[in-house]
N, C-alpha and C. Protein backbone atom coordinates (compact mmCIF):
# COMPACT_ATOMS: atom_id res chain seq x y z
N UNK A 1 -46.73 -3.53 -32.59
CA UNK A 1 -47.22 -3.90 -31.28
C UNK A 1 -48.10 -2.77 -30.78
N UNK A 2 -49.29 -3.08 -30.37
CA UNK A 2 -50.18 -2.04 -29.87
C UNK A 2 -49.91 -1.77 -28.39
N UNK A 3 -50.49 -0.69 -27.89
CA UNK A 3 -50.24 -0.28 -26.51
C UNK A 3 -50.67 -1.34 -25.51
N UNK A 4 -51.80 -1.98 -25.77
CA UNK A 4 -52.28 -3.01 -24.85
C UNK A 4 -51.27 -4.16 -24.75
N UNK A 5 -50.76 -4.63 -25.89
CA UNK A 5 -49.79 -5.73 -25.88
C UNK A 5 -48.51 -5.30 -25.15
N UNK A 6 -48.05 -4.07 -25.40
CA UNK A 6 -46.85 -3.57 -24.73
C UNK A 6 -47.04 -3.54 -23.22
N UNK A 7 -48.17 -2.99 -22.79
CA UNK A 7 -48.43 -2.92 -21.35
C UNK A 7 -48.58 -4.29 -20.72
N UNK A 8 -49.14 -5.26 -21.47
CA UNK A 8 -49.25 -6.62 -20.96
C UNK A 8 -47.86 -7.23 -20.77
N UNK A 9 -46.97 -6.99 -21.74
CA UNK A 9 -45.60 -7.51 -21.63
C UNK A 9 -44.91 -6.88 -20.43
N UNK A 10 -45.05 -5.55 -20.27
CA UNK A 10 -44.43 -4.87 -19.14
C UNK A 10 -44.97 -5.39 -17.81
N UNK A 11 -46.27 -5.56 -17.73
CA UNK A 11 -46.90 -6.04 -16.50
C UNK A 11 -46.44 -7.46 -16.19
N UNK A 12 -46.42 -8.31 -17.20
CA UNK A 12 -46.01 -9.70 -16.99
C UNK A 12 -44.58 -9.79 -16.49
N UNK A 13 -43.67 -9.02 -17.09
CA UNK A 13 -42.27 -9.10 -16.66
C UNK A 13 -42.07 -8.49 -15.28
N UNK A 14 -42.81 -7.43 -14.97
CA UNK A 14 -42.71 -6.83 -13.65
C UNK A 14 -43.23 -7.78 -12.58
N UNK A 15 -44.36 -8.43 -12.86
CA UNK A 15 -44.91 -9.39 -11.91
C UNK A 15 -43.98 -10.59 -11.73
N UNK A 16 -43.42 -11.06 -12.84
CA UNK A 16 -42.51 -12.20 -12.74
C UNK A 16 -41.30 -11.85 -11.90
N UNK A 17 -40.78 -10.65 -12.07
CA UNK A 17 -39.63 -10.23 -11.28
C UNK A 17 -39.99 -10.07 -9.81
N UNK A 18 -41.20 -9.58 -9.54
CA UNK A 18 -41.62 -9.38 -8.16
C UNK A 18 -41.89 -10.70 -7.44
N UNK A 19 -42.46 -11.67 -8.16
CA UNK A 19 -42.79 -12.95 -7.57
C UNK A 19 -41.56 -13.80 -7.32
N UNK A 20 -40.63 -13.76 -8.26
CA UNK A 20 -39.45 -14.60 -8.16
C UNK A 20 -38.21 -13.79 -8.54
N UNK A 21 -37.81 -12.80 -7.73
CA UNK A 21 -36.76 -11.87 -8.11
C UNK A 21 -35.38 -12.49 -8.28
N UNK A 22 -35.16 -13.65 -7.70
CA UNK A 22 -33.82 -14.23 -7.80
C UNK A 22 -33.74 -15.35 -8.81
N UNK A 23 -34.74 -15.51 -9.64
CA UNK A 23 -34.74 -16.59 -10.64
C UNK A 23 -33.57 -16.46 -11.60
N UNK A 24 -33.18 -15.23 -11.94
CA UNK A 24 -32.10 -15.03 -12.89
C UNK A 24 -30.73 -15.28 -12.26
N UNK A 25 -30.66 -15.27 -10.94
CA UNK A 25 -29.37 -15.38 -10.27
C UNK A 25 -29.04 -16.80 -9.83
N UNK A 26 -29.79 -17.78 -10.30
CA UNK A 26 -29.53 -19.15 -9.92
C UNK A 26 -28.21 -19.61 -10.52
N UNK A 27 -27.60 -20.57 -9.88
CA UNK A 27 -26.35 -21.12 -10.39
C UNK A 27 -26.61 -21.85 -11.70
N UNK A 28 -25.65 -21.81 -12.65
CA UNK A 28 -25.83 -22.52 -13.91
C UNK A 28 -25.85 -24.03 -13.69
N UNK A 29 -26.47 -24.73 -14.61
CA UNK A 29 -26.51 -26.18 -14.55
C UNK A 29 -25.09 -26.73 -14.63
N UNK A 30 -24.90 -27.92 -14.11
CA UNK A 30 -23.56 -28.52 -14.08
C UNK A 30 -22.95 -28.67 -15.47
N UNK A 31 -23.77 -28.89 -16.48
CA UNK A 31 -23.23 -29.09 -17.83
C UNK A 31 -23.24 -27.80 -18.64
N UNK A 32 -23.59 -26.67 -18.03
CA UNK A 32 -23.64 -25.40 -18.75
C UNK A 32 -22.22 -24.86 -18.94
N UNK A 33 -22.04 -24.16 -20.06
CA UNK A 33 -20.75 -23.54 -20.32
C UNK A 33 -20.56 -22.37 -19.37
N UNK A 34 -19.33 -22.12 -18.93
CA UNK A 34 -19.10 -20.99 -18.04
C UNK A 34 -19.41 -19.67 -18.74
N UNK A 35 -19.88 -18.70 -17.97
CA UNK A 35 -20.20 -17.40 -18.53
C UNK A 35 -18.93 -16.68 -18.94
N UNK A 36 -19.02 -15.91 -20.01
CA UNK A 36 -17.89 -15.11 -20.44
C UNK A 36 -17.69 -13.98 -19.44
N UNK A 37 -16.46 -13.59 -19.23
CA UNK A 37 -16.16 -12.52 -18.28
C UNK A 37 -15.35 -11.45 -18.98
N UNK A 38 -15.85 -10.19 -19.03
CA UNK A 38 -15.10 -9.14 -19.67
C UNK A 38 -13.72 -8.94 -19.07
N UNK A 39 -13.60 -9.11 -17.77
CA UNK A 39 -12.32 -8.88 -17.12
C UNK A 39 -11.31 -9.95 -17.50
N UNK A 40 -11.77 -11.18 -17.77
CA UNK A 40 -10.87 -12.28 -18.02
C UNK A 40 -10.54 -12.46 -19.50
N UNK A 41 -11.40 -12.04 -20.38
CA UNK A 41 -11.22 -12.28 -21.80
C UNK A 41 -10.38 -11.17 -22.44
N UNK A 42 -9.59 -11.56 -23.45
CA UNK A 42 -8.86 -10.58 -24.24
C UNK A 42 -9.87 -9.82 -25.09
N UNK A 43 -9.67 -8.52 -25.29
CA UNK A 43 -10.61 -7.76 -26.10
C UNK A 43 -10.77 -8.35 -27.50
N UNK A 44 -11.98 -8.28 -27.99
CA UNK A 44 -12.30 -8.79 -29.32
C UNK A 44 -12.27 -7.67 -30.34
N UNK A 45 -13.10 -7.80 -31.37
CA UNK A 45 -13.07 -6.81 -32.45
C UNK A 45 -13.53 -5.43 -31.99
N UNK A 46 -13.02 -4.41 -32.68
CA UNK A 46 -13.45 -3.03 -32.45
C UNK A 46 -14.72 -2.85 -33.28
N UNK A 47 -15.78 -2.38 -32.65
CA UNK A 47 -17.07 -2.26 -33.34
C UNK A 47 -17.36 -0.84 -33.80
N UNK A 48 -18.23 -0.78 -34.81
CA UNK A 48 -18.71 0.50 -35.33
C UNK A 48 -20.23 0.45 -35.39
N UNK A 49 -20.84 1.62 -35.34
CA UNK A 49 -22.28 1.74 -35.47
C UNK A 49 -22.58 3.16 -35.92
N UNK A 50 -23.43 3.30 -36.91
CA UNK A 50 -23.92 4.62 -37.31
C UNK A 50 -25.35 4.46 -37.78
N UNK A 51 -26.16 5.43 -37.42
CA UNK A 51 -27.56 5.39 -37.80
C UNK A 51 -28.25 6.65 -37.32
N UNK A 52 -29.54 6.52 -37.07
CA UNK A 52 -30.36 7.64 -36.63
C UNK A 52 -31.08 7.24 -35.35
N UNK A 53 -31.05 8.14 -34.38
CA UNK A 53 -31.72 7.86 -33.11
C UNK A 53 -33.23 7.98 -33.29
N UNK A 54 -33.95 7.55 -32.28
CA UNK A 54 -35.41 7.63 -32.33
C UNK A 54 -35.90 9.08 -32.38
N UNK A 55 -35.04 10.04 -32.03
CA UNK A 55 -35.39 11.46 -32.13
C UNK A 55 -35.03 12.05 -33.49
N UNK A 56 -34.51 11.22 -34.39
CA UNK A 56 -34.15 11.68 -35.72
C UNK A 56 -32.77 12.29 -35.82
N UNK A 57 -31.96 12.16 -34.77
CA UNK A 57 -30.60 12.72 -34.77
C UNK A 57 -29.60 11.64 -35.17
N UNK A 58 -28.53 12.04 -35.86
CA UNK A 58 -27.49 11.05 -36.18
C UNK A 58 -26.89 10.48 -34.90
N UNK A 59 -26.58 9.21 -34.93
CA UNK A 59 -25.95 8.57 -33.78
C UNK A 59 -24.84 7.67 -34.30
N UNK A 60 -23.67 7.84 -33.70
CA UNK A 60 -22.52 7.03 -34.10
C UNK A 60 -21.81 6.56 -32.83
N UNK A 61 -21.29 5.37 -32.87
CA UNK A 61 -20.55 4.85 -31.73
C UNK A 61 -19.36 5.75 -31.41
N UNK A 62 -18.77 6.36 -32.44
CA UNK A 62 -17.63 7.25 -32.22
C UNK A 62 -18.01 8.49 -31.40
N UNK A 63 -19.32 8.81 -31.32
CA UNK A 63 -19.77 9.92 -30.47
C UNK A 63 -19.45 9.66 -29.00
N UNK A 64 -19.22 8.41 -28.67
CA UNK A 64 -19.01 8.00 -27.28
C UNK A 64 -17.59 7.50 -27.06
N UNK A 65 -16.64 8.10 -27.76
CA UNK A 65 -15.23 7.72 -27.64
C UNK A 65 -14.78 7.83 -26.19
N UNK A 66 -14.03 6.84 -25.74
CA UNK A 66 -13.51 6.84 -24.38
C UNK A 66 -14.49 6.39 -23.33
N UNK A 67 -15.68 5.97 -23.73
CA UNK A 67 -16.69 5.50 -22.78
C UNK A 67 -16.91 4.01 -22.93
N UNK A 68 -17.18 3.36 -21.82
CA UNK A 68 -17.60 1.96 -21.83
C UNK A 68 -19.03 1.95 -22.38
N UNK A 69 -19.29 1.08 -23.34
CA UNK A 69 -20.61 1.03 -23.97
C UNK A 69 -21.24 -0.34 -23.78
N UNK A 70 -22.52 -0.32 -23.48
CA UNK A 70 -23.35 -1.52 -23.49
C UNK A 70 -24.33 -1.32 -24.63
N UNK A 71 -24.19 -2.15 -25.66
CA UNK A 71 -25.06 -2.07 -26.83
C UNK A 71 -26.01 -3.25 -26.77
N UNK A 72 -27.30 -2.93 -26.72
CA UNK A 72 -28.31 -3.97 -26.55
C UNK A 72 -29.23 -4.03 -27.76
N UNK A 73 -29.29 -5.21 -28.40
CA UNK A 73 -30.17 -5.46 -29.54
C UNK A 73 -31.44 -6.13 -29.01
N UNK A 74 -32.61 -5.59 -29.40
CA UNK A 74 -33.87 -6.08 -28.86
C UNK A 74 -35.01 -5.84 -29.84
N UNK A 75 -36.15 -6.44 -29.54
CA UNK A 75 -37.40 -6.14 -30.24
C UNK A 75 -38.42 -5.70 -29.20
N UNK A 76 -39.37 -4.89 -29.63
CA UNK A 76 -40.35 -4.32 -28.70
C UNK A 76 -41.26 -5.38 -28.09
N UNK A 77 -41.58 -6.42 -28.81
CA UNK A 77 -42.52 -7.42 -28.31
C UNK A 77 -41.89 -8.53 -27.48
N UNK A 78 -40.62 -8.46 -27.22
CA UNK A 78 -39.89 -9.50 -26.50
C UNK A 78 -39.96 -9.23 -24.99
N UNK A 79 -40.63 -10.14 -24.25
CA UNK A 79 -40.80 -9.96 -22.80
C UNK A 79 -39.45 -9.97 -22.08
N UNK A 80 -38.55 -10.87 -22.47
CA UNK A 80 -37.23 -10.91 -21.85
C UNK A 80 -36.48 -9.61 -22.11
N UNK A 81 -36.60 -9.09 -23.34
CA UNK A 81 -35.95 -7.82 -23.68
C UNK A 81 -36.46 -6.69 -22.78
N UNK A 82 -37.78 -6.64 -22.58
CA UNK A 82 -38.38 -5.59 -21.77
C UNK A 82 -37.83 -5.62 -20.35
N UNK A 83 -37.73 -6.79 -19.78
CA UNK A 83 -37.19 -6.91 -18.42
C UNK A 83 -35.71 -6.54 -18.38
N UNK A 84 -34.95 -7.02 -19.34
CA UNK A 84 -33.51 -6.70 -19.39
C UNK A 84 -33.29 -5.20 -19.52
N UNK A 85 -34.06 -4.56 -20.41
CA UNK A 85 -33.88 -3.13 -20.62
C UNK A 85 -34.28 -2.32 -19.39
N UNK A 86 -35.24 -2.80 -18.63
CA UNK A 86 -35.61 -2.13 -17.38
C UNK A 86 -34.40 -2.11 -16.44
N UNK A 87 -33.74 -3.25 -16.29
CA UNK A 87 -32.56 -3.32 -15.43
C UNK A 87 -31.43 -2.47 -15.97
N UNK A 88 -31.25 -2.49 -17.28
CA UNK A 88 -30.18 -1.71 -17.90
C UNK A 88 -30.43 -0.21 -17.79
N UNK A 89 -31.69 0.20 -17.88
CA UNK A 89 -32.03 1.62 -17.70
C UNK A 89 -31.65 2.08 -16.29
N UNK A 90 -31.92 1.24 -15.29
CA UNK A 90 -31.56 1.59 -13.92
C UNK A 90 -30.04 1.71 -13.77
N UNK A 91 -29.30 0.77 -14.35
CA UNK A 91 -27.84 0.81 -14.30
C UNK A 91 -27.33 2.07 -15.01
N UNK A 92 -27.91 2.36 -16.17
CA UNK A 92 -27.53 3.54 -16.94
C UNK A 92 -27.75 4.82 -16.13
N UNK A 93 -28.92 4.95 -15.54
CA UNK A 93 -29.23 6.15 -14.76
C UNK A 93 -28.25 6.35 -13.61
N UNK A 94 -27.81 5.26 -13.01
CA UNK A 94 -26.90 5.34 -11.87
C UNK A 94 -25.43 5.47 -12.25
N UNK A 95 -25.09 5.23 -13.53
CA UNK A 95 -23.68 5.19 -13.92
C UNK A 95 -23.33 6.04 -15.14
N UNK A 96 -24.26 6.78 -15.67
CA UNK A 96 -23.98 7.57 -16.87
C UNK A 96 -22.92 8.64 -16.63
N UNK A 97 -22.73 9.06 -15.40
CA UNK A 97 -21.71 10.06 -15.08
C UNK A 97 -20.32 9.43 -14.95
N UNK A 98 -20.24 8.11 -15.10
CA UNK A 98 -18.96 7.39 -14.94
C UNK A 98 -18.41 6.94 -16.28
N UNK A 99 -18.59 7.73 -17.33
CA UNK A 99 -18.13 7.39 -18.68
C UNK A 99 -18.72 6.08 -19.17
N UNK A 100 -20.03 5.96 -18.98
CA UNK A 100 -20.77 4.78 -19.41
C UNK A 100 -21.94 5.22 -20.27
N UNK A 101 -22.18 4.49 -21.34
CA UNK A 101 -23.34 4.76 -22.18
C UNK A 101 -24.04 3.46 -22.54
N UNK A 102 -25.33 3.53 -22.56
CA UNK A 102 -26.18 2.41 -22.99
C UNK A 102 -26.78 2.81 -24.32
N UNK A 103 -26.59 1.97 -25.34
CA UNK A 103 -27.17 2.20 -26.66
C UNK A 103 -28.12 1.06 -26.97
N UNK A 104 -29.32 1.39 -27.35
CA UNK A 104 -30.28 0.38 -27.76
C UNK A 104 -30.33 0.31 -29.27
N UNK A 105 -30.48 -0.90 -29.78
CA UNK A 105 -30.66 -1.09 -31.22
C UNK A 105 -31.90 -1.96 -31.39
N UNK A 106 -32.98 -1.32 -31.84
CA UNK A 106 -34.24 -2.02 -32.03
C UNK A 106 -34.21 -2.78 -33.34
N UNK A 107 -34.70 -4.02 -33.31
CA UNK A 107 -34.66 -4.88 -34.49
C UNK A 107 -36.05 -5.22 -35.03
N UNK A 108 -37.07 -4.46 -34.64
CA UNK A 108 -38.40 -4.71 -35.19
C UNK A 108 -38.36 -4.54 -36.70
N UNK A 109 -39.17 -5.34 -37.39
CA UNK A 109 -39.19 -5.28 -38.85
C UNK A 109 -39.80 -4.00 -39.38
N UNK A 110 -40.83 -3.50 -38.69
CA UNK A 110 -41.56 -2.33 -39.17
C UNK A 110 -41.18 -1.09 -38.36
N UNK A 111 -40.94 0.00 -39.08
CA UNK A 111 -40.64 1.26 -38.42
C UNK A 111 -41.82 1.70 -37.55
N UNK A 112 -43.04 1.42 -37.96
CA UNK A 112 -44.22 1.80 -37.17
C UNK A 112 -44.19 1.13 -35.80
N UNK A 113 -43.77 -0.13 -35.73
CA UNK A 113 -43.67 -0.82 -34.44
C UNK A 113 -42.60 -0.18 -33.57
N UNK A 114 -41.46 0.16 -34.19
CA UNK A 114 -40.38 0.83 -33.47
C UNK A 114 -40.85 2.17 -32.91
N UNK A 115 -41.50 2.98 -33.72
CA UNK A 115 -41.93 4.30 -33.28
C UNK A 115 -43.04 4.22 -32.23
N UNK A 116 -43.91 3.22 -32.33
CA UNK A 116 -44.94 3.04 -31.31
C UNK A 116 -44.29 2.69 -29.97
N UNK A 117 -43.26 1.85 -30.02
CA UNK A 117 -42.50 1.50 -28.81
C UNK A 117 -41.88 2.76 -28.21
N UNK A 118 -41.28 3.60 -29.04
CA UNK A 118 -40.66 4.84 -28.57
C UNK A 118 -41.70 5.75 -27.94
N UNK A 119 -42.87 5.87 -28.56
CA UNK A 119 -43.94 6.68 -28.00
C UNK A 119 -44.36 6.18 -26.62
N UNK A 120 -44.42 4.88 -26.45
CA UNK A 120 -44.78 4.31 -25.15
C UNK A 120 -43.69 4.57 -24.11
N UNK A 121 -42.44 4.51 -24.52
CA UNK A 121 -41.34 4.81 -23.60
C UNK A 121 -41.42 6.25 -23.10
N UNK A 122 -41.80 7.16 -23.99
CA UNK A 122 -41.87 8.57 -23.63
C UNK A 122 -42.86 8.83 -22.49
N UNK A 123 -43.89 8.02 -22.39
CA UNK A 123 -44.89 8.23 -21.33
C UNK A 123 -44.70 7.30 -20.14
N UNK A 124 -43.80 6.31 -20.27
CA UNK A 124 -43.68 5.33 -19.18
C UNK A 124 -42.30 5.26 -18.54
N UNK A 125 -41.30 5.92 -19.11
CA UNK A 125 -39.93 5.83 -18.59
C UNK A 125 -39.47 7.24 -18.20
N UNK A 126 -38.95 7.40 -16.98
CA UNK A 126 -38.45 8.72 -16.56
C UNK A 126 -37.32 9.20 -17.48
N UNK A 127 -37.23 10.51 -17.66
CA UNK A 127 -36.22 11.11 -18.54
C UNK A 127 -34.81 10.62 -18.23
N UNK A 128 -34.46 10.53 -16.94
CA UNK A 128 -33.08 10.17 -16.58
C UNK A 128 -32.73 8.72 -16.93
N UNK A 129 -33.73 7.91 -17.26
CA UNK A 129 -33.47 6.52 -17.64
C UNK A 129 -33.52 6.31 -19.16
N UNK A 130 -33.76 7.36 -19.90
CA UNK A 130 -33.82 7.22 -21.36
C UNK A 130 -32.42 7.27 -21.96
N UNK A 131 -32.20 6.42 -22.93
CA UNK A 131 -30.90 6.32 -23.57
C UNK A 131 -31.12 6.29 -25.09
N UNK A 132 -30.07 6.55 -25.87
CA UNK A 132 -30.23 6.56 -27.33
C UNK A 132 -30.64 5.19 -27.86
N UNK A 133 -31.59 5.18 -28.79
CA UNK A 133 -32.05 3.96 -29.43
C UNK A 133 -32.10 4.20 -30.93
N UNK A 134 -31.51 3.30 -31.68
CA UNK A 134 -31.54 3.35 -33.15
C UNK A 134 -32.37 2.17 -33.67
N UNK A 135 -32.88 2.33 -34.87
CA UNK A 135 -33.63 1.25 -35.53
C UNK A 135 -32.70 0.58 -36.54
N UNK A 136 -32.39 -0.69 -36.32
CA UNK A 136 -31.40 -1.38 -37.15
C UNK A 136 -31.85 -1.56 -38.60
N UNK A 137 -33.14 -1.61 -38.84
CA UNK A 137 -33.62 -1.84 -40.20
C UNK A 137 -33.77 -0.56 -41.03
N UNK A 138 -33.34 0.57 -40.50
CA UNK A 138 -33.35 1.82 -41.26
C UNK A 138 -32.34 1.71 -42.41
N UNK A 139 -32.66 2.34 -43.51
CA UNK A 139 -31.81 2.25 -44.71
C UNK A 139 -30.38 2.73 -44.44
N UNK A 140 -30.21 3.76 -43.63
CA UNK A 140 -28.88 4.33 -43.38
C UNK A 140 -28.13 3.67 -42.23
N UNK A 141 -28.76 2.72 -41.54
CA UNK A 141 -28.10 2.10 -40.38
C UNK A 141 -26.99 1.16 -40.84
N UNK A 142 -25.85 1.28 -40.18
CA UNK A 142 -24.72 0.37 -40.43
C UNK A 142 -24.08 0.04 -39.09
N UNK A 143 -23.72 -1.23 -38.92
CA UNK A 143 -22.96 -1.62 -37.73
C UNK A 143 -22.14 -2.85 -38.06
N UNK A 144 -21.20 -3.14 -37.18
CA UNK A 144 -20.28 -4.27 -37.39
C UNK A 144 -20.56 -5.42 -36.43
N UNK A 145 -21.77 -5.50 -35.87
CA UNK A 145 -22.07 -6.52 -34.87
C UNK A 145 -22.49 -7.86 -35.47
N UNK A 146 -22.69 -7.92 -36.77
CA UNK A 146 -23.03 -9.18 -37.43
C UNK A 146 -24.46 -9.61 -37.20
N UNK A 147 -24.70 -10.87 -37.51
CA UNK A 147 -26.05 -11.43 -37.38
C UNK A 147 -26.43 -11.56 -35.91
N UNK A 148 -27.63 -11.14 -35.60
CA UNK A 148 -28.18 -11.27 -34.24
C UNK A 148 -29.34 -12.25 -34.36
N UNK A 149 -29.20 -13.40 -33.75
CA UNK A 149 -30.23 -14.44 -33.89
C UNK A 149 -31.07 -14.63 -32.64
N UNK A 150 -30.64 -14.07 -31.53
CA UNK A 150 -31.38 -14.23 -30.28
C UNK A 150 -31.62 -12.86 -29.66
N UNK A 151 -32.81 -12.70 -29.11
CA UNK A 151 -33.16 -11.44 -28.48
C UNK A 151 -33.42 -11.66 -27.01
N UNK A 152 -32.88 -10.83 -26.19
CA UNK A 152 -31.93 -9.78 -26.50
C UNK A 152 -30.51 -10.33 -26.68
N UNK A 153 -29.68 -9.55 -27.34
CA UNK A 153 -28.25 -9.82 -27.41
C UNK A 153 -27.54 -8.53 -27.02
N UNK A 154 -26.59 -8.67 -26.10
CA UNK A 154 -25.90 -7.51 -25.54
C UNK A 154 -24.41 -7.62 -25.83
N UNK A 155 -23.81 -6.48 -26.07
CA UNK A 155 -22.37 -6.37 -26.27
C UNK A 155 -21.82 -5.35 -25.29
N UNK A 156 -20.78 -5.72 -24.56
CA UNK A 156 -20.07 -4.76 -23.72
C UNK A 156 -18.79 -4.42 -24.47
N UNK A 157 -18.58 -3.12 -24.65
CA UNK A 157 -17.40 -2.62 -25.37
C UNK A 157 -16.56 -1.80 -24.41
N UNK A 158 -15.24 -2.01 -24.45
CA UNK A 158 -14.35 -1.23 -23.59
C UNK A 158 -14.24 0.20 -24.11
N UNK A 159 -13.40 0.99 -23.51
CA UNK A 159 -13.29 2.41 -23.88
C UNK A 159 -12.76 2.63 -25.29
N UNK A 160 -12.14 1.61 -25.86
CA UNK A 160 -11.68 1.68 -27.25
C UNK A 160 -12.70 1.05 -28.20
N UNK A 161 -13.86 0.69 -27.65
CA UNK A 161 -14.98 0.06 -28.37
C UNK A 161 -14.64 -1.31 -28.92
N UNK A 162 -13.74 -2.00 -28.21
CA UNK A 162 -13.46 -3.39 -28.50
C UNK A 162 -14.41 -4.24 -27.68
N UNK A 163 -14.89 -5.29 -28.29
CA UNK A 163 -15.84 -6.18 -27.62
C UNK A 163 -15.15 -6.96 -26.51
N UNK A 164 -15.71 -6.88 -25.30
CA UNK A 164 -15.21 -7.67 -24.19
C UNK A 164 -16.24 -8.70 -23.74
N UNK A 165 -17.48 -8.58 -24.23
CA UNK A 165 -18.51 -9.56 -23.90
C UNK A 165 -19.61 -9.52 -24.94
N UNK A 166 -20.07 -10.71 -25.33
CA UNK A 166 -21.30 -10.86 -26.10
C UNK A 166 -22.18 -11.80 -25.29
N UNK A 167 -23.36 -11.32 -24.93
CA UNK A 167 -24.28 -12.14 -24.14
C UNK A 167 -25.60 -12.25 -24.90
N UNK A 168 -25.97 -13.47 -25.23
CA UNK A 168 -27.26 -13.73 -25.84
C UNK A 168 -28.22 -14.14 -24.74
N UNK A 169 -29.36 -13.46 -24.64
CA UNK A 169 -30.32 -13.75 -23.58
C UNK A 169 -30.02 -12.89 -22.36
N UNK A 170 -30.34 -13.44 -21.20
CA UNK A 170 -30.19 -12.69 -19.94
C UNK A 170 -28.77 -12.26 -19.67
N UNK A 171 -28.61 -11.02 -19.26
CA UNK A 171 -27.35 -10.54 -18.72
C UNK A 171 -27.19 -11.23 -17.38
N UNK A 172 -26.08 -11.89 -17.15
CA UNK A 172 -25.85 -12.68 -15.95
C UNK A 172 -25.34 -11.81 -14.79
N UNK A 173 -25.52 -12.26 -13.55
CA UNK A 173 -25.02 -11.47 -12.41
C UNK A 173 -23.54 -11.14 -12.52
N UNK A 174 -22.73 -12.06 -12.99
CA UNK A 174 -21.29 -11.78 -13.14
C UNK A 174 -21.05 -10.74 -14.23
N UNK A 175 -21.93 -10.68 -15.24
CA UNK A 175 -21.80 -9.66 -16.28
C UNK A 175 -21.97 -8.27 -15.67
N UNK A 176 -22.95 -8.13 -14.77
CA UNK A 176 -23.16 -6.84 -14.10
C UNK A 176 -21.93 -6.48 -13.27
N UNK A 177 -21.38 -7.45 -12.55
CA UNK A 177 -20.19 -7.20 -11.73
C UNK A 177 -19.03 -6.74 -12.59
N UNK A 178 -18.82 -7.43 -13.71
CA UNK A 178 -17.70 -7.08 -14.59
C UNK A 178 -17.91 -5.72 -15.26
N UNK A 179 -19.15 -5.42 -15.61
CA UNK A 179 -19.46 -4.11 -16.20
C UNK A 179 -19.17 -3.01 -15.18
N UNK A 180 -19.59 -3.22 -13.95
CA UNK A 180 -19.32 -2.27 -12.88
C UNK A 180 -17.81 -2.06 -12.71
N UNK A 181 -17.07 -3.17 -12.68
CA UNK A 181 -15.62 -3.08 -12.50
C UNK A 181 -14.94 -2.36 -13.67
N UNK A 182 -15.48 -2.50 -14.87
CA UNK A 182 -14.87 -1.86 -16.04
C UNK A 182 -14.99 -0.33 -16.00
N UNK A 183 -15.87 0.18 -15.15
CA UNK A 183 -16.05 1.63 -15.05
C UNK A 183 -15.07 2.28 -14.08
N UNK A 184 -14.29 1.45 -13.38
CA UNK A 184 -13.34 1.98 -12.39
C UNK A 184 -12.22 2.76 -13.06
C-alpha cells in the first residue's frame, strides 16, 4: 500500500466518523444474534503468541502476564481496520497504566506492505498511542488464534490470557464497556 492510498483510507474513515459518529452505536437488527459479552461468557481457550515486533524485538504474549490483552488482527489497506485501530489506540493510551495492553497483528501478505504501514504510523501517530505490532506472516511467528477470515478480528483476553471475546468486524459499544469493566 503506498502512502497516498494509506492517507486516503485514513481521511475517508475520519470523515465518515465525523459525518456520522454514531453509526456504529445503532441497535442491532431484530434478527441479529446478540453480541458476546466478556463479563457474561465463561473464559475460553488460553492463547499464545510469539513473533517479532515491528521494531525487530521479540514479542510474546507471556511478556504481558497478568494484563488484560486486546489482540487485534488487521491489514493495512482495510478502512474498517484503520478506524477500529484509531479508537483502540485512544483506549490504549488512556488505559495502559491499568494493566492493559493492545497488541496488533498485521496480516498483510508482503512484509514491504507491513513495513510501509509501520513507517506511516511513525509519522502520523503520537508516541503514547503506539503499541506493539507483529507481522503474522513472518517465518518465526506463531500463535494459537486459528484462522482469521474477517478483518479486523479482535480478541479480548483476561489476565490469564484466556479468551473472553472474539469479535469479527466492528468492536461493539458493549465490548468497550466490558473491556473497561475487566480492568477494574
